């Protein structure tokens, strides 16, 4: 649970996804949220753990990391757009605490991308 004063209506939602699952659309709900320092120590991430509630994938987890404090303003903009998208699909446009998002089902479109490393 993280106290936050965020108006999702003021930030365009992101339409991005992750590469943890095969390409497709899946139902999730946020089950955990916390703030962590970035790897470099120069910022802060809002980290969500989302559990898949889709039949056949039930319980499979996805981590969503949002750089809400970062020296790179583009990273912060991307983070707030993604947070806005989560808020919009969960129906929480005025977010005071990340706990408000816990347990709210929403769908994520994920695209599997081959790694080049």
Protein backbone atom coordinates (compact mmCIF):
# COMPACT_ATOMS: atom_id res chain seq x y z
CA UNK A 1 0.00 0.00 0.00
CA UNK A 2 1.45 3.35 -1.10
CA UNK A 3 -0.08 6.78 -0.46
CA UNK A 4 -0.25 8.77 -3.71
CA UNK A 5 -2.16 11.77 -4.98
CA UNK A 6 -2.60 11.06 -8.71
CA UNK A 7 -5.29 12.22 -11.12
CA UNK A 8 -5.34 9.66 -13.96
CA UNK A 9 -7.64 11.93 -15.97
CA UNK A 10 -4.73 14.37 -16.38
CA UNK A 11 -2.34 11.87 -18.06
CA UNK A 12 -2.91 10.03 -21.35
CA UNK A 13 -3.04 6.26 -20.66
CA UNK A 14 -0.29 4.03 -22.01
CA UNK A 15 -1.18 1.16 -24.30
CA UNK A 16 2.09 -0.72 -23.72
CA UNK A 17 2.48 -4.28 -22.45
CA UNK A 18 5.10 -6.73 -21.27
CA UNK A 19 6.84 -9.83 -22.60
CA UNK A 20 6.24 -12.32 -19.78
CA UNK A 21 3.36 -14.21 -21.44
CA UNK A 22 2.75 -15.37 -24.99
CA UNK A 23 1.15 -12.77 -27.26
CA UNK A 24 -2.48 -12.31 -26.29
CA UNK A 25 -4.91 -10.57 -24.00
CA UNK A 26 -5.14 -11.65 -20.38
CA UNK A 27 -7.21 -10.77 -17.31
CA UNK A 28 -5.22 -9.59 -14.27
CA UNK A 29 -5.69 -8.00 -10.90
CA UNK A 30 -3.13 -6.14 -8.82
CA UNK A 31 -2.30 -8.06 -5.66
CA UNK A 32 0.67 -6.09 -4.31
CA UNK A 33 2.17 -2.62 -4.64
CA UNK A 34 5.26 -1.03 -3.18
CA UNK A 35 7.83 1.69 -3.76
CA UNK A 36 11.44 0.68 -4.44
CA UNK A 37 14.58 2.61 -5.35
CA UNK A 38 15.73 2.29 -8.95
CA UNK A 39 18.76 0.09 -9.65
CA UNK A 40 20.92 3.20 -10.13
CA UNK A 41 19.66 4.71 -6.88
CA UNK A 42 18.75 7.98 -8.62
CA UNK A 43 14.99 7.49 -8.58
CA UNK A 44 11.98 5.62 -7.28
CA UNK A 45 9.84 2.92 -8.85
CA UNK A 46 6.23 2.13 -8.11
CA UNK A 47 6.15 -1.67 -8.41
CA UNK A 48 2.90 -3.57 -8.92
CA UNK A 49 2.56 -7.33 -8.81
CA UNK A 50 -0.39 -8.44 -10.93
CA UNK A 51 -1.82 -11.95 -10.82
CA UNK A 52 -3.43 -13.43 -13.91
CA UNK A 53 -7.05 -14.45 -13.33
CA UNK A 54 -7.45 -16.00 -16.78
CA UNK A 55 -8.44 -19.66 -16.86
CA UNK A 56 -5.36 -21.75 -17.60
CA UNK A 57 -3.01 -18.99 -16.41
CA UNK A 58 -4.58 -18.42 -12.99
CA UNK A 59 -2.00 -17.12 -10.52
CA UNK A 60 0.79 -16.51 -13.05
CA UNK A 61 2.39 -13.19 -12.06
CA UNK A 62 3.44 -10.09 -13.95
CA UNK A 63 5.56 -7.30 -12.45
CA UNK A 64 4.82 -3.75 -13.55
CA UNK A 65 7.60 -1.26 -12.74
CA UNK A 66 6.89 2.46 -13.10
CA UNK A 67 9.72 5.01 -12.76
CA UNK A 68 7.73 7.69 -10.98
CA UNK A 69 10.86 9.58 -9.87
CA UNK A 70 13.76 9.59 -12.32
CA UNK A 71 16.27 12.11 -13.67
CA UNK A 72 15.00 11.22 -17.16
CA UNK A 73 11.69 13.09 -17.68
CA UNK A 74 10.71 10.71 -20.50
CA UNK A 75 10.90 7.74 -18.11
CA UNK A 76 8.63 9.59 -15.66
CA UNK A 77 6.17 10.50 -18.43
CA UNK A 78 5.99 6.87 -19.56
CA UNK A 79 5.45 5.74 -15.97
CA UNK A 80 2.59 8.14 -15.38
CA UNK A 81 0.96 7.22 -18.71
CA UNK A 82 1.07 3.56 -17.71
CA UNK A 83 -0.27 4.38 -14.25
CA UNK A 84 -3.05 6.38 -15.90
CA UNK A 85 -3.93 3.39 -18.09
CA UNK A 86 -4.15 1.12 -15.05
CA UNK A 87 -6.30 3.67 -13.20
CA UNK A 88 -8.62 4.10 -16.18
CA UNK A 89 -9.23 0.38 -16.71
CA UNK A 90 -9.79 -0.10 -12.97
CA UNK A 91 -12.24 2.82 -12.81
CA UNK A 92 -10.14 4.76 -10.27
CA UNK A 93 -9.48 8.20 -11.75
CA UNK A 94 -8.51 9.91 -8.49
CA UNK A 95 -5.89 7.66 -6.88
CA UNK A 96 -5.02 8.42 -3.26
CA UNK A 97 -3.46 5.05 -2.39
CA UNK A 98 -2.38 2.14 -4.60
CA UNK A 99 -4.48 -0.15 -2.38
CA UNK A 100 -7.50 1.25 -4.29
CA UNK A 101 -6.28 -0.69 -7.36
CA UNK A 102 -5.85 -4.02 -5.58
CA UNK A 103 -8.33 -6.73 -6.59
CA UNK A 104 -9.83 -4.76 -9.49
CA UNK A 105 -9.91 -6.97 -12.60
CA UNK A 106 -8.63 -5.55 -15.89
CA UNK A 107 -7.29 -6.87 -19.19
CA UNK A 108 -3.78 -6.42 -20.57
CA UNK A 109 -2.75 -6.99 -24.17
CA UNK A 110 0.73 -8.53 -24.14
CA UNK A 111 3.06 -9.09 -27.08
CA UNK A 112 5.87 -11.62 -26.91
CA UNK A 113 9.07 -10.07 -28.26
CA UNK A 114 12.14 -12.18 -29.01
CA UNK A 115 15.25 -11.09 -27.12
CA UNK A 116 18.38 -10.35 -29.08
CA UNK A 117 20.80 -11.08 -26.24
